[in-house]
Amino acid sequence: MFARPEPIFTSARLFVLYQSSHFPFRLVLLLCLAGGLCCAPGCVLKARQQANRQETSRLVTEAQEALEQGNAQLATDLLAGAVEIDPNDYEVRLQLVELLRERGQTGAAQAHLEEAAARTEDDPRAYFLLAQMLFEQQRYPEAARQVAKALDLDAHIGQAHLLQGRIAQALGDDELALRAFYAALAEDPHDPQTRFQLGRQLFLRGSTDQAAPLLRRLIEESQACTPEGGEAWWMLGQCYARQQRWVEAAQALASGIELRQPSAIDWRDLAQTQYRAGELQAARSSLTLALKLNPRDEQARILQLEIEQALTPDVRLTTGEDADPVDGDPLDAQPNWATPAGLEVGPNLPPSTPGSAAPPASDSPPEAPPADEFPKGFPESGDSESDPGVNPAPAEGPRSSEPMPCGPSAGL
């Protein structure tokens, strides 16, 4: 057997070498020994960090494969293990948060977001995601503080401005909501949700001239066949009605009611608009559905009487000397139908006759008003009264107002 070689430098040999050497060699030897002792912990730390990164990368890869195979639980466990190995890996922690939110584990997701915000104070994403979760939980003041932190770090996050506007709406701060929606639109002019929220806010403030073009472009350029699209149609119809553009209003409201769960008031509003547009048969059909949902609606009864009067001309029976000469059998004589030239509307409608309409207003793009010059005054809502009947599903009924098509080609 071969003898095991002895190490070249042992403690004893180094001591003898140190004692027998000159001063420069002693100094060099001391510096080398000191450097080795100082570098040892750093080398160990770097090696450990490298091993952690490799293990984290492996776990993340396996988590992605588990998700592709539909095993969300395994993916969650793997990502949680990766975060435990490297708590400062911000990206992996955010991936875990998204997965936890998708699985409904909001408590764990919120805890990880708070930890991420505490470890990385200069990244706005954790604050924004935390604000989203708090908003969904209706914890609006806390959500407002978190989204404000995100915007302090980066003022060009359009979705953060949009979220700030929705939080302000929930808190009743309409001016802040309007400013936030305009800021979101400046960051992303083509975002459908931003257009919808800004158009809705302008509509609620009574700024229909600014709301109408936003809602119209939203319907033209995005998918309108959704409940939110139905709400956009309905608000656009209301804008046109306030501008007395009755034909366009009737078309928009008819399209919107197809995508809503219409109440008796919704059907009555559609009937009133169709009546003003001169679509009497359609107005009668819509009013029938309104009275079916709420037979005690007095305004609907008054409107029904006016529609029936418009549809039923006065009959004047002529006899004796006033009779017109008729050739043949007198029984074949036709009565003299006298249709009134004008129609007096009821007290719940503005003075106008069926078919009358104001000239179309121009749909010019809205401009953001200065912060101190927002439109003042809120319109009285036509839906403020009590409505005892609500249709649980969109009712079907004949209407002559042809609904607008859905989708990007649904232009007015």
Foldseek 3Di string as FASTA:
>chain_A
DDDDDDDPDDPVVVVVCLVPDDDVVVVVVVVVVVVVVVCVVVVVVVVLVVVLVVQLVVLQVVLVVCVVVVNLVSSLVSLVVNCVSPVQPLVSLVVSLVSCVVVVVNVVSLVSLVSSCVNDVLALPSLQVNLVSCVVVVVLVSSLVSLVSSCVNPVLDLVSLQSNLVSCVSVVNLLSNLVSLVSSCVNPVPDLSSLLSNLVSCLQLVVLLQSQLSLQQSQQAFFLLELSSLVSLQSNLVSQVVQQVLLSSLQSLVQSLQHYQDFLLSLQVSLVSQQQQQFLVQSLFSLVVSCVQPVPPVVSVLVNVQSVPQVDFDWDADDDPRDDDDPDDPVPDDTDTDHDPFGAGDPVDPGDGRNDGDPDDDNDHDDRDPSVDDRDDGDDDPPPDDGPGTRPHRDDTDHPNHHFDTGNNRHD
